[in-house]
């Protein structure tokens, strides 16, 4: 975890923390890396396997299975509130239903929590596509609701994982609110990364099994278009159709819930589950539940990038 600053010690800070759409609760790990004293008041997650892995690594005082079936007035008070709202309603790869479906309405439930609990800090994460023209009406409603939070200064930041010490091209929108404060600046660290540091180079090649004919066609198309050398560290999403394949040298494409066919050319195999977690910033010590790879792909793809949250917190708590 090369992005950890050993000179930073926030052990004098104690925070009551609540998370919704918690996934596997990446923010709690980032806070602990800064030695912040976390009082984990609640998590909320509807996915059974995400809940199991969350509870393997964290111990919230309360756990809610559904954001719609609880009474917001009974939620514990918190200083920091974080929500990773479902992205399917706004994603360019989703159904683009905006606020007109249950997943989209979760955004408004999250804002309701902020209005009722008045945390000192809040962070809402979603896809960059929320800012696109197709989602303009939904985003207008969201901004109107957020602007009603009169005591908050709110930042809208599109942050890329690759700019924060982990080689993954993943742009996400972070809506960051701070009560009674000046605007914050998220400072990007000066960190050089090497993709090989995130790979297990002892794993064997599995080229024949990985590159069945239709995946080989995708790879061949990328080779033709980009003139790549297969000995270099290219990661290519060969499970996609040719038109949707993503490929980068020394950089992982955005990890999604369908990250099972991310082919690393120099290693002649797909990225492993452990490598995918690492490319989301998770430490080697992170405990992974014994479930199927397909279920892990969903957990990893839905997770927030730990390194981005780490540097958001560094900037957030330096303002006081």
Protein backbone atom coordinates (compact mmCIF):
# COMPACT_ATOMS: atom_id res chain seq x y z
CA UNK A 1 0.00 0.00 0.00
CA UNK A 2 2.47 2.60 -1.26
CA UNK A 3 0.10 5.53 -0.80
CA UNK A 4 0.07 5.39 3.01
CA UNK A 5 1.88 8.38 4.50
CA UNK A 6 3.70 7.18 7.64
CA UNK A 7 3.94 10.77 8.90
CA UNK A 8 0.16 11.12 9.09
CA UNK A 9 -1.41 10.17 12.38
CA UNK A 10 -4.97 11.25 13.04
CA UNK A 11 -5.28 9.28 16.27
CA UNK A 12 -6.47 12.44 18.04
CA UNK A 13 -9.67 12.32 15.95
CA UNK A 14 -12.70 10.28 17.02
CA UNK A 15 -15.61 9.92 14.61
CA UNK A 16 -19.01 8.33 14.85
CA UNK A 17 -19.55 6.85 11.40
CA UNK A 18 -22.62 5.60 9.54
CA UNK A 19 -22.69 4.16 6.03
CA UNK A 20 -25.53 3.40 3.61
CA UNK A 21 -25.37 1.33 0.43
CA UNK A 22 -22.34 0.15 2.34
CA UNK A 23 -21.14 -2.61 0.02
CA UNK A 24 -18.11 -4.03 1.82
CA UNK A 25 -17.52 -0.75 3.71
CA UNK A 26 -14.28 0.44 2.12
CA UNK A 27 -14.42 3.82 3.95
CA UNK A 28 -13.92 2.15 7.32
CA UNK A 29 -10.61 0.68 6.12
CA UNK A 30 -9.41 4.06 4.87
CA UNK A 31 -10.23 5.69 8.21
CA UNK A 32 -8.37 2.99 10.12
CA UNK A 33 -5.28 3.45 7.92
CA UNK A 34 -5.16 7.03 9.25
CA UNK A 35 -5.45 5.74 12.85
CA UNK A 36 -8.72 7.59 13.29
CA UNK A 37 -10.74 6.32 16.24
CA UNK A 38 -13.87 5.01 14.56
CA UNK A 39 -17.11 4.42 16.40
CA UNK A 40 -18.96 2.43 13.77
CA UNK A 41 -22.60 3.27 14.45
CA UNK A 42 -24.28 1.59 11.49
CA UNK A 43 -24.03 0.01 8.06
CA UNK A 44 -26.84 -0.74 5.60
CA UNK A 45 -26.58 -3.21 2.74
CA UNK A 46 -29.21 -5.28 0.96
CA UNK A 47 -26.84 -7.68 -0.81
CA UNK A 48 -26.41 -10.84 1.27
CA UNK A 49 -22.82 -11.58 0.22
CA UNK A 50 -21.70 -7.99 0.66
CA UNK A 51 -23.19 -8.07 4.15
CA UNK A 52 -21.32 -11.28 5.00
CA UNK A 53 -17.97 -9.88 3.90
CA UNK A 54 -18.63 -6.53 5.56
CA UNK A 55 -19.31 -8.25 8.88
CA UNK A 56 -16.19 -10.36 8.44
CA UNK A 57 -14.08 -7.19 8.53
CA UNK A 58 -16.19 -4.68 10.50
CA UNK A 59 -18.48 -4.57 13.54
CA UNK A 60 -21.17 -1.90 13.26
CA UNK A 61 -23.37 -1.33 16.31
CA UNK A 62 -26.44 -1.60 14.05
CA UNK A 63 -26.96 -3.26 10.70
CA UNK A 64 -29.88 -2.43 8.41
CA UNK A 65 -30.77 -4.65 5.47
CA UNK A 66 -32.87 -2.12 3.59
CA UNK A 67 -32.65 1.67 3.52
CA UNK A 68 -36.39 1.92 2.73
CA UNK A 69 -37.71 -0.13 5.68
CA UNK A 70 -36.15 1.71 8.62
CA UNK A 71 -37.20 4.88 10.41
CA UNK A 72 -34.67 7.63 9.74
CA UNK A 73 -35.58 9.25 13.06
CA UNK A 74 -34.25 6.24 14.99
CA UNK A 75 -30.81 6.25 13.33
CA UNK A 76 -27.92 6.94 15.70
CA UNK A 77 -26.18 10.32 15.50
CA UNK A 78 -23.00 10.35 13.42
CA UNK A 79 -20.19 12.79 12.63
CA UNK A 80 -19.37 11.25 9.24
CA UNK A 81 -21.93 9.77 6.85
CA UNK A 82 -20.96 7.96 3.65
CA UNK A 83 -23.15 6.42 0.96
CA UNK A 84 -22.19 4.60 -2.23
CA UNK A 85 -25.52 4.97 -4.02
CA UNK A 86 -26.28 2.33 -6.71
CA UNK A 87 -25.00 3.48 -10.07
CA UNK A 88 -27.15 1.38 -12.42
CA UNK A 89 -29.77 4.12 -12.75
CA UNK A 90 -27.20 6.63 -14.01
CA UNK A 91 -24.40 4.55 -15.54
CA UNK A 92 -23.74 4.69 -19.28
CA UNK A 93 -23.85 0.89 -19.18
CA UNK A 94 -27.10 0.78 -17.20
CA UNK A 95 -30.77 1.36 -17.96
CA UNK A 96 -30.50 5.15 -17.49
CA UNK A 97 -33.73 5.31 -15.45
CA UNK A 98 -32.42 8.10 -13.24
CA UNK A 99 -34.62 8.81 -10.22
CA UNK A 100 -37.51 6.95 -11.83
CA UNK A 101 -36.71 3.59 -10.24
CA UNK A 102 -36.08 2.20 -6.78
CA UNK A 103 -32.27 2.32 -7.10
CA UNK A 104 -32.45 5.92 -8.25
CA UNK A 105 -34.72 6.90 -5.35
CA UNK A 106 -32.06 5.68 -2.92
CA UNK A 107 -30.23 8.93 -3.65
CA UNK A 108 -33.13 10.89 -2.18
CA UNK A 109 -33.22 8.59 0.87
CA UNK A 110 -29.54 9.35 1.42
CA UNK A 111 -30.22 13.09 1.32
CA UNK A 112 -33.06 12.54 3.79
CA UNK A 113 -30.57 10.97 6.21
CA UNK A 114 -28.28 14.00 5.90
CA UNK A 115 -31.18 16.39 6.56
CA UNK A 116 -32.29 14.46 9.64
CA UNK A 117 -28.94 13.52 11.20
CA UNK A 118 -26.91 16.63 10.24
CA UNK A 119 -23.49 14.95 10.22
CA UNK A 120 -20.44 17.20 10.26
CA UNK A 121 -19.20 15.51 7.08
CA UNK A 122 -20.84 13.50 4.34
CA UNK A 123 -19.60 11.77 1.20
CA UNK A 124 -21.79 10.39 -1.59
CA UNK A 125 -20.12 8.38 -4.34
CA UNK A 126 -21.56 7.59 -7.78
CA UNK A 127 -20.57 7.20 -11.41
CA UNK A 128 -19.26 10.16 -13.40
CA UNK A 129 -22.17 9.60 -15.82
CA UNK A 130 -24.46 11.27 -13.28
CA UNK A 131 -23.08 14.51 -14.72
CA UNK A 132 -23.91 13.55 -18.32
CA UNK A 133 -26.65 15.13 -20.39
CA UNK A 134 -28.83 12.00 -20.14
CA UNK A 135 -28.96 12.45 -16.36
CA UNK A 136 -29.27 16.24 -16.32
CA UNK A 137 -32.82 16.30 -14.91
CA UNK A 138 -31.99 13.79 -12.17
CA UNK A 139 -28.83 15.67 -11.24
CA UNK A 140 -30.73 18.96 -11.16
CA UNK A 141 -33.15 17.48 -8.60
CA UNK A 142 -30.27 16.06 -6.55
CA UNK A 143 -28.44 19.41 -6.53
CA UNK A 144 -31.64 21.23 -5.53
CA UNK A 145 -32.10 18.86 -2.59
CA UNK A 146 -28.47 19.23 -1.57
CA UNK A 147 -28.63 23.03 -1.85
CA UNK A 148 -31.37 22.96 0.77
CA UNK A 149 -28.66 21.90 3.22
CA UNK A 150 -27.97 25.53 4.11
CA UNK A 151 -25.19 24.92 6.64
CA UNK A 152 -23.04 22.84 4.30
CA UNK A 153 -20.27 23.65 1.85
CA UNK A 154 -20.52 21.05 -0.92
CA UNK A 155 -17.85 19.96 -3.40
CA UNK A 156 -18.59 17.97 -6.56
CA UNK A 157 -15.35 16.18 -7.47
CA UNK A 158 -14.64 13.69 -10.28
CA UNK A 159 -11.66 11.71 -9.02
CA UNK A 160 -9.72 8.98 -10.79
CA UNK A 161 -8.19 6.10 -8.86
CA UNK A 162 -5.01 6.28 -10.95
CA UNK A 163 -4.29 9.77 -9.61
CA UNK A 164 -4.21 8.52 -6.01
CA UNK A 165 -1.54 5.85 -5.96
CA UNK A 166 -3.17 2.77 -7.51
CA UNK A 167 -2.92 1.97 -11.27
CA UNK A 168 -6.61 1.68 -12.17
CA UNK A 169 -8.45 4.03 -14.53
CA UNK A 170 -11.64 4.59 -12.52
CA UNK A 171 -13.42 7.93 -12.54
CA UNK A 172 -16.12 8.47 -9.94
CA UNK A 173 -18.13 11.43 -8.74
CA UNK A 174 -17.67 12.28 -5.06
CA UNK A 175 -20.13 14.71 -3.49
CA UNK A 176 -18.45 15.97 -0.32
CA UNK A 177 -20.26 18.08 2.23
CA UNK A 178 -18.80 19.79 5.29
CA UNK A 179 -20.88 21.70 7.82
CA UNK A 180 -19.93 25.33 8.55
CA UNK A 181 -16.68 25.19 6.63
CA UNK A 182 -14.80 26.72 3.73
CA UNK A 183 -14.55 24.68 0.48
CA UNK A 184 -11.99 21.90 0.56
CA UNK A 185 -9.35 21.00 -2.01
CA UNK A 186 -8.62 17.33 -2.64
CA UNK A 187 -4.88 17.23 -3.14
CA UNK A 188 -3.49 14.52 -5.39
CA UNK A 189 -0.37 12.78 -4.06
CA UNK A 190 2.83 12.56 -6.07
CA UNK A 191 3.15 8.77 -6.27
CA UNK A 192 4.64 6.66 -9.04
CA UNK A 193 3.01 3.26 -9.48
CA UNK A 194 4.19 0.05 -11.10
CA UNK A 195 1.46 -2.37 -12.18
CA UNK A 196 3.77 -5.32 -11.39
CA UNK A 197 3.64 -4.37 -7.71
CA UNK A 198 -0.08 -5.22 -7.83
CA UNK A 199 0.30 -8.55 -9.62
CA UNK A 200 1.27 -11.99 -8.38
CA UNK A 201 3.92 -12.85 -10.95
CA UNK A 202 4.25 -16.38 -9.55
CA UNK A 203 0.85 -17.42 -10.93
CA UNK A 204 1.07 -19.65 -14.01
CA UNK A 205 0.08 -18.72 -17.54
CA UNK A 206 -3.41 -19.82 -18.55
CA UNK A 207 -3.45 -18.50 -22.09
CA UNK A 208 -5.20 -21.42 -23.80
CA UNK A 209 -8.15 -21.43 -21.40
CA UNK A 210 -8.46 -17.65 -21.31
CA UNK A 211 -8.26 -16.94 -25.01
CA UNK A 212 -11.10 -18.96 -26.47
CA UNK A 213 -11.79 -17.89 -30.11
CA UNK A 214 -14.17 -14.96 -29.41
CA UNK A 215 -11.81 -13.51 -26.77
CA UNK A 216 -8.85 -13.98 -29.09
CA UNK A 217 -10.72 -11.89 -31.66
CA UNK A 218 -11.02 -9.06 -29.15
CA UNK A 219 -7.33 -9.30 -28.30
CA UNK A 220 -6.36 -9.37 -31.99
CA UNK A 221 -8.39 -6.23 -32.62
CA UNK A 222 -6.61 -4.38 -29.79
CA UNK A 223 -3.23 -5.56 -31.07
CA UNK A 224 -4.08 -4.26 -34.54
CA UNK A 225 -5.39 -0.89 -33.37
CA UNK A 226 -2.74 -0.11 -30.76
CA UNK A 227 0.24 -2.07 -32.09
CA UNK A 228 0.86 -3.60 -28.69
CA UNK A 229 3.69 -5.91 -27.67
CA UNK A 230 2.23 -8.83 -25.73
CA UNK A 231 5.32 -8.89 -23.52
CA UNK A 232 4.33 -5.50 -22.11
CA UNK A 233 1.87 -5.14 -19.24
CA UNK A 234 -1.38 -4.51 -21.09
CA UNK A 235 -4.67 -5.24 -19.35
CA UNK A 236 -7.52 -5.81 -21.80
CA UNK A 237 -11.20 -6.55 -21.15
CA UNK A 238 -11.44 -9.44 -23.61
CA UNK A 239 -14.84 -10.52 -22.26
CA UNK A 240 -16.44 -7.46 -23.86
CA UNK A 241 -17.41 -7.17 -27.50
CA UNK A 242 -14.77 -5.62 -29.73
CA UNK A 243 -16.50 -2.23 -29.68
CA UNK A 244 -16.62 -2.11 -25.85
CA UNK A 245 -13.20 -3.60 -25.05
CA UNK A 246 -10.99 -1.42 -22.85
CA UNK A 247 -7.20 -1.65 -22.88
CA UNK A 248 -4.37 0.18 -21.12
CA UNK A 249 -0.64 -0.36 -20.74
CA UNK A 250 0.59 -0.49 -17.13
CA UNK A 251 -2.91 0.45 -16.01
CA UNK A 252 -6.03 -1.54 -15.20
CA UNK A 253 -9.29 -0.54 -16.93
CA UNK A 254 -12.13 0.47 -14.62
CA UNK A 255 -13.02 -2.54 -12.50
CA UNK A 256 -16.71 -3.34 -12.84
CA UNK A 257 -19.01 -6.10 -11.60
CA UNK A 258 -18.06 -8.01 -14.76
CA UNK A 259 -14.30 -8.01 -14.23
CA UNK A 260 -13.78 -11.74 -14.73
CA UNK A 261 -12.11 -11.38 -18.16
CA UNK A 262 -9.39 -8.78 -17.51
CA UNK A 263 -6.47 -10.28 -19.43
CA UNK A 264 -2.91 -9.26 -18.51
CA UNK A 265 -0.74 -9.86 -21.58
CA UNK A 266 2.66 -10.18 -19.88
CA UNK A 267 1.29 -12.88 -17.54
CA UNK A 268 -0.96 -14.61 -20.13
CA UNK A 269 -3.91 -14.95 -17.77
CA UNK A 270 -6.83 -13.14 -16.21
CA UNK A 271 -6.41 -10.97 -13.14
CA UNK A 272 -7.04 -12.95 -9.97
CA UNK A 273 -9.57 -12.07 -7.27
CA UNK A 274 -6.76 -11.00 -4.93
CA UNK A 275 -5.22 -8.79 -7.61
CA UNK A 276 -8.56 -7.13 -8.33
CA UNK A 277 -9.01 -6.30 -4.65
CA UNK A 278 -5.48 -4.89 -4.57
CA UNK A 279 -6.22 -2.72 -7.63
CA UNK A 280 -9.13 -1.27 -5.66
CA UNK A 281 -6.64 -0.30 -2.97
CA UNK A 282 -7.39 -3.07 -0.47
CA UNK A 283 -4.46 -4.18 1.71
CA UNK A 284 -3.06 -7.70 1.60
CA UNK A 285 -4.41 -8.28 5.11
CA UNK A 286 -8.03 -7.72 4.03
CA UNK A 287 -10.14 -10.79 4.81
CA UNK A 288 -11.97 -12.26 1.81
CA UNK A 289 -14.96 -14.52 2.34
CA UNK A 290 -14.97 -17.97 0.75
CA UNK A 291 -17.63 -17.42 -1.91
CA UNK A 292 -17.66 -17.91 -5.68
CA UNK A 293 -15.48 -15.74 -7.90
CA UNK A 294 -18.56 -14.37 -9.65
CA UNK A 295 -19.90 -13.02 -6.36
CA UNK A 296 -16.52 -11.47 -5.59
CA UNK A 297 -16.48 -9.69 -8.96
CA UNK A 298 -19.72 -7.94 -7.98
CA UNK A 299 -18.36 -6.96 -4.55
CA UNK A 300 -15.13 -5.61 -6.04
CA UNK A 301 -16.83 -3.77 -8.89
CA UNK A 302 -19.30 -2.09 -6.54
CA UNK A 303 -16.66 -1.12 -3.97
CA UNK A 304 -15.24 2.38 -3.62
CA UNK A 305 -11.50 2.73 -4.27
CA UNK A 306 -9.87 2.71 -0.86
CA UNK A 307 -6.94 4.93 -1.87
CA UNK A 308 -9.23 7.71 -3.15
CA UNK A 309 -11.14 7.74 0.14
CA UNK A 310 -7.85 7.80 2.06
CA UNK A 311 -6.79 11.05 0.38
CA UNK A 312 -10.27 12.55 0.63
CA UNK A 313 -10.05 12.01 4.38
CA UNK A 314 -6.52 13.47 4.49
CA UNK A 315 -7.81 16.65 2.82
CA UNK A 316 -11.09 16.68 4.76
CA UNK A 317 -9.59 16.56 8.23
CA UNK A 318 -6.76 18.98 7.48
CA UNK A 319 -9.26 21.80 7.08
CA UNK A 320 -10.06 21.91 10.80
